[in-house]
Amino acid sequence: MIPITSAGRMVARNSVEVPVARRAPAQQRATAGTRHIAVFVDGSPEAANAAWRGALVARDRGLPLHLIVLHPLHADLAEAASTADSLASEVRGKLDLQVSSQAIAGTREHEGVEATRDASLLVLPSAARRGPWPPGSPVLRMLRRARRPVLLARTPAQMSYRRVLAAVELDLDACSLIAAARALSRDPCMKVLHVLDTSHEETMRLADVPERVIHSQRERDALRARGVLADLIASAGGRDDAEPAIAFGNAEQAVVEQQLATGADLLVVGKRPRHALVDALRGGVAQRVLRSAAADVLVLPMQPRAPTASWLLPDFARLPAQ
């Protein structure tokens, strides 16, 4: 739990408090221990955009917003705290949200991860990229260390998400991913995409299997997958506001092409549990999509789907307590 000062602001043990107006005791208790949206900020335009994206999500989900600024141990924490507090005041004034701020000495990957352990959703600033991040990139390190949904904000935060594309793998907990996408979506008919691997078709051609047989097999696979997607969408409560879509070939390329074709402003992908070394060397579909997608990207930690297990609604997607 993030400690609360007598003034009602969240602070860490090695953070610097900036005095703010005292809140009523009831409001202080409402802040402590509640679910919240956490955003890492600094003085950059990308970080300010991430703060506003986090604010829009917090408003739509009825959750508090918490802004965190990190500086090296030798940095001036008072100046960092002023930066975060100024942005918090601006967001609070324009959107009438419950907003707190915090300055921490350290790095995102260590002190930052610890400070966000109670967050329902973590928002990171991310400029659009057209090439892979280096292995030591702060964004990739955060994605590997974070055990909660991470939203990379890279498009202008001007309104709630209007076009959403959720890319699912059928052997993972797709219902949770679909529910998370619906929670952030104001799209009247978001797309739920599954990409069918077609690499085996080349083997069939080498074995002189007729092209019509290969095509028929592809059509059967697509029909079966579309039915599974429809069932998953219904189970996630999205029967009327989501539709299945099937693509073929390389998953990364197909997801990015669908994002561009649909004009989606939010792309939702799952991140498989992987060994850190494998993740660093090869990455996954989620990591590879991040370098090419032009939209904001929500990355959810995923687990294998057990036939008898019920799916779990992501914390930020739950309705706020009344």
Protein backbone atom coordinates (compact mmCIF):
# COMPACT_ATOMS: atom_id res chain seq x y z
CA MET A 1 0.00 0.00 0.00
CA ILE A 2 1.26 3.51 -0.81
CA PRO A 3 1.61 5.54 2.41
CA ILE A 4 -0.59 8.62 2.86
CA THR A 5 0.59 11.84 4.48
CA SER A 6 -1.56 13.90 6.77
CA ALA A 7 -2.20 16.18 3.81
CA GLY A 8 -3.65 13.30 1.84
CA ARG A 9 -0.81 12.96 -0.72
CA MET A 10 0.80 9.62 -1.51
CA VAL A 11 4.53 9.55 -0.76
CA ALA A 12 7.30 6.96 -0.57
CA ARG A 13 9.89 6.57 2.16
CA ASN A 14 12.55 8.35 0.11
CA SER A 15 10.22 10.86 -1.54
CA VAL A 16 9.76 14.54 -0.86
CA GLU A 17 6.36 15.86 0.09
CA VAL A 18 5.08 19.06 -1.46
CA PRO A 19 2.50 20.74 0.82
CA VAL A 20 -1.03 20.77 -0.54
CA ALA A 21 -4.38 21.75 0.87
CA ARG A 22 -5.53 19.50 3.72
CA ARG A 23 -8.35 17.14 2.85
CA ALA A 24 -11.18 16.05 5.04
CA PRO A 25 -10.49 12.77 6.95
CA ALA A 26 -13.10 10.89 4.94
CA GLN A 27 -11.38 11.86 1.70
CA GLN A 28 -8.02 10.76 3.06
CA ARG A 29 -9.38 7.34 3.92
CA ALA A 30 -10.98 7.03 0.47
CA THR A 31 -7.56 7.57 -1.14
CA ALA A 32 -5.68 5.07 1.00
CA GLY A 33 -5.60 1.57 -0.43
CA THR A 34 -7.91 2.31 -3.33
CA ARG A 35 -7.34 1.05 -6.84
CA HIS A 36 -5.71 3.71 -8.99
CA ILE A 37 -4.08 4.52 -12.32
CA ALA A 38 -0.34 5.23 -12.02
CA VAL A 39 1.62 7.29 -14.55
CA PHE A 40 5.37 7.92 -14.77
CA VAL A 41 6.00 11.56 -15.67
CA ASP A 42 8.91 13.94 -16.15
CA GLY A 43 9.22 17.27 -17.89
CA SER A 44 8.87 15.89 -21.43
CA PRO A 45 5.88 16.39 -23.75
CA GLU A 46 5.54 12.59 -24.07
CA ALA A 47 5.18 12.27 -20.29
CA ALA A 48 2.60 15.05 -20.14
CA ASN A 49 0.63 13.25 -22.85
CA ALA A 50 0.82 10.00 -20.85
CA ALA A 51 -0.52 11.85 -17.80
CA TRP A 52 -3.51 13.11 -19.76
CA ARG A 53 -4.12 9.63 -21.20
CA GLY A 54 -4.01 8.20 -17.69
CA ALA A 55 -6.42 10.93 -16.60
CA LEU A 56 -8.91 10.04 -19.33
CA VAL A 57 -8.74 6.36 -18.36
CA ALA A 58 -9.12 7.25 -14.67
CA ARG A 59 -12.14 9.41 -15.47
CA ASP A 60 -13.79 6.69 -17.57
CA ARG A 61 -13.14 3.99 -14.96
CA GLY A 62 -13.97 6.12 -11.91
CA LEU A 63 -10.49 5.64 -10.40
CA PRO A 64 -7.96 8.01 -8.78
CA LEU A 65 -4.87 9.08 -10.73
CA HIS A 66 -1.36 8.97 -9.25
CA LEU A 67 1.58 10.71 -10.96
CA ILE A 68 5.11 9.55 -10.19
CA VAL A 69 8.34 11.31 -11.14
CA LEU A 70 11.68 9.55 -10.67
CA HIS A 71 15.15 11.10 -10.53
CA PRO A 72 18.58 9.62 -9.83
CA LEU A 73 19.57 9.43 -6.17
CA HIS A 74 21.62 12.62 -6.38
CA ALA A 75 18.92 14.64 -8.12
CA ASP A 76 16.91 17.45 -6.59
CA LEU A 77 13.76 15.72 -5.43
CA ALA A 78 12.08 18.98 -4.45
CA GLU A 79 12.24 20.18 -8.05
CA ALA A 80 10.98 16.81 -9.29
CA ALA A 81 8.10 16.92 -6.83
CA SER A 82 7.18 20.40 -8.04
CA THR A 83 7.03 19.13 -11.63
CA ALA A 84 4.67 16.30 -10.71
CA ASP A 85 2.54 18.47 -8.44
CA SER A 86 2.10 21.16 -11.08
CA LEU A 87 0.87 18.62 -13.62
CA ALA A 88 -1.40 17.01 -11.02
CA SER A 89 -2.98 20.39 -10.25
CA GLU A 90 -3.62 21.04 -13.94
CA VAL A 91 -5.26 17.64 -14.48
CA ARG A 92 -7.28 17.97 -11.27
CA GLY A 93 -8.58 21.35 -12.33
CA LYS A 94 -9.64 20.37 -15.85
CA LEU A 95 -11.10 16.91 -15.27
CA ASP A 96 -12.22 17.18 -11.62
CA LEU A 97 -10.35 13.99 -10.73
CA GLN A 98 -8.83 12.76 -7.51
CA VAL A 99 -5.13 13.21 -8.39
CA SER A 100 -2.02 12.72 -6.25
CA SER A 101 1.68 13.07 -7.05
CA GLN A 102 4.95 11.70 -5.78
CA ALA A 103 8.69 12.18 -6.33
CA ILE A 104 11.01 9.21 -5.81
CA ALA A 105 14.79 8.87 -5.92
CA GLY A 106 15.70 5.88 -8.07
CA THR A 107 14.82 4.19 -11.37
CA ARG A 108 11.58 3.01 -12.94
CA GLU A 109 12.74 -0.61 -13.00
CA HIS A 110 13.40 -0.78 -9.25
CA GLU A 111 11.92 1.97 -7.07
CA GLY A 112 9.31 2.72 -9.73
CA VAL A 113 8.06 -0.86 -9.86
CA GLU A 114 7.86 -0.95 -6.07
CA ALA A 115 5.91 2.32 -5.97
CA THR A 116 3.31 0.99 -8.44
CA ARG A 117 2.77 -2.42 -6.85
CA ASP A 118 -0.81 -1.47 -5.85
CA ALA A 119 -1.68 0.20 -9.17
CA SER A 120 -4.46 -1.28 -11.28
CA LEU A 121 -2.89 0.04 -14.48
CA LEU A 122 0.50 1.57 -15.25
CA VAL A 123 0.77 4.20 -18.01
CA LEU A 124 4.15 4.85 -19.65
CA PRO A 125 5.08 7.62 -22.08
CA SER A 126 6.27 6.21 -25.39
CA ALA A 127 7.13 7.99 -28.60
CA ALA A 128 6.13 6.16 -31.77
CA ARG A 129 8.99 3.97 -33.03
CA ARG A 130 9.89 2.50 -36.39
CA GLY A 131 12.66 0.19 -35.22
CA PRO A 132 13.37 -2.20 -32.33
CA TRP A 133 14.26 -0.90 -28.90
CA PRO A 134 17.77 -1.77 -27.74
CA PRO A 135 17.86 -4.70 -25.26
CA GLY A 136 18.41 -2.34 -22.31
CA SER A 137 15.55 0.01 -23.19
CA PRO A 138 13.72 1.33 -20.08
CA VAL A 139 10.36 0.52 -21.73
CA LEU A 140 11.29 -3.12 -22.34
CA ARG A 141 12.73 -3.49 -18.85
CA MET A 142 9.50 -2.13 -17.38
CA LEU A 143 7.40 -4.50 -19.47
CA ARG A 144 9.48 -7.44 -18.25
CA ARG A 145 9.36 -6.43 -14.58
CA ALA A 146 5.81 -5.14 -14.29
CA ARG A 147 3.25 -7.70 -13.14
CA ARG A 148 0.27 -5.57 -14.07
CA PRO A 149 -1.28 -4.17 -17.26
CA VAL A 150 0.89 -1.53 -18.92
CA LEU A 151 -0.47 1.11 -21.30
CA LEU A 152 2.03 2.76 -23.63
CA ALA A 153 0.70 6.19 -24.57
CA ARG A 154 2.03 7.41 -27.89
CA THR A 155 -0.92 9.12 -29.62
CA PRO A 156 -2.35 12.53 -28.56
CA ALA A 157 -4.59 12.08 -25.50
CA GLN A 158 -7.55 14.14 -26.72
CA MET A 159 -10.47 11.78 -26.09
CA SER A 160 -11.36 8.27 -24.96
CA TYR A 161 -10.50 5.43 -27.32
CA ARG A 162 -12.95 5.31 -30.22
CA ARG A 163 -11.52 2.43 -32.27
CA VAL A 164 -10.11 -0.59 -30.49
CA LEU A 165 -8.40 -3.72 -31.79
CA ALA A 166 -7.83 -6.64 -29.42
CA ALA A 167 -5.40 -9.30 -30.68
CA VAL A 168 -5.91 -12.64 -28.93
CA GLU A 169 -4.25 -16.03 -28.84
CA LEU A 170 -6.68 -18.88 -28.29
CA ASP A 171 -4.45 -20.80 -25.89
CA LEU A 172 -4.25 -17.85 -23.48
CA ASP A 173 -6.86 -16.21 -21.25
CA ALA A 174 -8.50 -14.35 -24.12
CA CYS A 175 -11.63 -13.46 -22.12
CA SER A 176 -9.60 -11.31 -19.74
CA LEU A 177 -7.97 -9.52 -22.66
CA ILE A 178 -11.31 -8.89 -24.38
CA ALA A 179 -12.82 -7.57 -21.14
CA ALA A 180 -9.85 -5.24 -20.64
CA ALA A 181 -10.24 -3.90 -24.17
CA ARG A 182 -13.98 -3.32 -23.63
CA ALA A 183 -13.27 -1.46 -20.39
CA LEU A 184 -11.20 1.15 -22.25
CA SER A 185 -13.29 1.25 -25.41
CA ARG A 186 -16.02 3.57 -26.61
CA ASP A 187 -15.98 1.74 -29.93
CA PRO A 188 -19.52 0.57 -30.80
CA CYS A 189 -18.02 -2.48 -32.53
CA MET A 190 -14.41 -3.17 -31.59
CA LYS A 191 -12.50 -5.87 -33.45
CA VAL A 192 -11.22 -9.04 -31.77
CA LEU A 193 -8.49 -10.46 -33.98
CA HIS A 194 -6.87 -13.86 -34.11
CA VAL A 195 -4.04 -14.59 -36.54
CA LEU A 196 -3.82 -18.12 -37.94
CA ASP A 197 -0.32 -19.41 -38.60
CA THR A 198 0.07 -20.58 -42.20
CA SER A 199 3.68 -21.78 -42.08
CA HIS A 200 2.55 -25.40 -42.40
CA GLU A 201 1.08 -24.64 -45.82
CA GLU A 202 4.55 -24.48 -47.35
CA THR A 203 5.24 -28.00 -46.08
CA MET A 204 2.01 -29.14 -47.68
CA ARG A 205 3.05 -27.58 -50.99
CA LEU A 206 6.42 -29.30 -50.84
CA ALA A 207 4.51 -32.55 -50.40
CA ASP A 208 2.56 -31.76 -53.61
CA VAL A 209 -0.73 -31.27 -51.79
CA PRO A 210 -3.13 -29.60 -54.26
CA GLU A 211 -3.70 -25.89 -53.73
CA ARG A 212 -7.46 -26.40 -53.49
CA VAL A 213 -6.93 -28.77 -50.55
CA ILE A 214 -4.68 -26.24 -48.81
CA HIS A 215 -7.26 -23.53 -49.40
CA SER A 216 -10.08 -25.72 -48.07
CA GLN A 217 -8.07 -26.50 -44.96
CA ARG A 218 -7.44 -22.80 -44.39
CA GLU A 219 -11.14 -22.03 -44.71
CA ARG A 220 -12.04 -24.76 -42.20
CA ASP A 221 -9.46 -23.47 -39.73
CA ALA A 222 -10.78 -19.93 -40.12
CA LEU A 223 -14.38 -21.01 -39.59
CA ARG A 224 -13.43 -22.93 -36.47
CA ALA A 225 -11.39 -20.04 -35.08
CA ARG A 226 -14.16 -17.54 -35.79
CA GLY A 227 -16.58 -19.68 -33.81
CA VAL A 228 -14.18 -19.85 -30.87
CA LEU A 229 -13.74 -16.08 -30.99
CA ALA A 230 -17.51 -15.55 -30.98
CA ASP A 231 -17.84 -17.73 -27.88
CA LEU A 232 -15.00 -15.87 -26.13
CA ILE A 233 -16.54 -12.50 -26.94
CA ALA A 234 -19.90 -13.62 -25.56
CA SER A 235 -18.26 -14.98 -22.39
CA ALA A 236 -16.51 -11.63 -21.90
CA GLY A 237 -19.82 -9.79 -22.18
CA GLY A 238 -19.15 -8.25 -25.57
CA ARG A 239 -21.69 -9.99 -27.79
CA ASP A 240 -23.21 -6.71 -29.04
CA ASP A 241 -20.17 -4.41 -29.15
CA ALA A 242 -17.39 -6.61 -30.53
CA GLU A 243 -16.93 -8.76 -33.61
CA PRO A 244 -14.43 -11.48 -34.49
CA ALA A 245 -11.82 -11.04 -37.20
CA ILE A 246 -9.41 -13.58 -38.68
CA ALA A 247 -6.08 -12.91 -40.39
CA PHE A 248 -3.41 -15.23 -41.75
CA GLY A 249 0.37 -15.41 -41.68
CA ASN A 250 2.91 -13.65 -39.48
CA ALA A 251 1.20 -12.52 -36.28
CA GLU A 252 3.18 -9.30 -35.81
CA GLN A 253 2.70 -8.16 -39.40
CA ALA A 254 -0.99 -9.09 -39.46
CA VAL A 255 -1.76 -7.26 -36.20
CA VAL A 256 0.00 -4.09 -37.36
CA GLU A 257 -1.71 -4.24 -40.76
CA GLN A 258 -5.12 -4.62 -39.10
CA GLN A 259 -4.37 -1.70 -36.77
CA LEU A 260 -3.52 0.51 -39.72
CA ALA A 261 -6.46 -0.71 -41.81
CA THR A 262 -9.03 -0.12 -39.06
CA GLY A 263 -7.47 3.12 -37.81
CA ALA A 264 -7.51 1.73 -34.28
CA ASP A 265 -6.27 4.20 -31.67
CA LEU A 266 -5.81 1.43 -29.09
CA LEU A 267 -4.25 -1.97 -29.67
CA VAL A 268 -4.61 -4.56 -26.90
CA VAL A 269 -2.19 -7.49 -26.81
CA GLY A 270 -1.24 -10.17 -24.32
CA LYS A 271 2.25 -10.86 -23.02
CA ARG A 272 3.13 -14.50 -22.45
CA PRO A 273 5.04 -15.52 -19.33
CA ARG A 274 8.61 -15.99 -20.57
CA HIS A 275 12.08 -16.51 -19.17
CA ALA A 276 13.90 -13.16 -18.98
CA LEU A 277 16.76 -14.36 -21.21
CA VAL A 278 14.40 -15.65 -23.90
CA ASP A 279 12.43 -12.41 -23.71
CA ALA A 280 15.59 -10.35 -24.11
CA LEU A 281 16.91 -12.36 -27.07
CA ARG A 282 13.74 -13.08 -29.02
CA GLY A 283 10.99 -10.96 -27.57
CA GLY A 284 7.37 -11.93 -28.10
CA VAL A 285 4.55 -10.87 -30.39
CA ALA A 286 3.59 -8.10 -27.93
CA GLN A 287 7.14 -6.76 -27.80
CA ARG A 288 7.56 -6.91 -31.58
CA VAL A 289 4.23 -5.22 -32.22
CA LEU A 290 5.24 -2.32 -29.96
CA ARG A 291 7.98 -1.21 -32.33
CA SER A 292 5.65 -0.93 -35.33
CA ALA A 293 2.14 -0.05 -34.17
CA ALA A 294 1.07 3.57 -34.61
CA ALA A 295 -1.58 3.33 -31.87
CA ASP A 296 -1.44 3.28 -28.09
CA VAL A 297 -0.73 -0.27 -26.90
CA LEU A 298 -2.15 -1.96 -23.81
CA VAL A 299 -0.04 -4.97 -22.78
CA LEU A 300 -1.62 -7.48 -20.40
CA PRO A 301 0.29 -10.24 -18.61
CA MET A 302 -1.38 -13.46 -19.70
CA GLN A 303 -1.62 -17.01 -18.41
CA PRO A 304 -2.53 -20.23 -20.24
CA ARG A 305 -6.25 -20.82 -20.50
CA ALA A 306 -7.42 -23.78 -18.44
CA PRO A 307 -10.63 -25.39 -19.77
CA THR A 308 -12.26 -25.56 -16.34
CA ALA A 309 -10.95 -22.29 -14.92
CA SER A 310 -13.00 -19.13 -14.89
CA TRP A 311 -11.35 -16.07 -16.39
CA LEU A 312 -10.36 -13.10 -14.25
CA LEU A 313 -11.46 -9.54 -14.94
CA PRO A 314 -8.44 -7.20 -14.88
CA ASP A 315 -8.51 -4.99 -11.81
CA PHE A 316 -8.80 -1.67 -13.65
CA ALA A 317 -11.69 -3.04 -15.70
CA ARG A 318 -13.91 -3.71 -12.70
CA LEU A 319 -16.72 -1.32 -12.02
CA PRO A 320 -15.83 1.25 -9.32
CA ALA A 321 -17.31 0.71 -5.88
CA GLN A 322 -20.49 2.69 -5.31
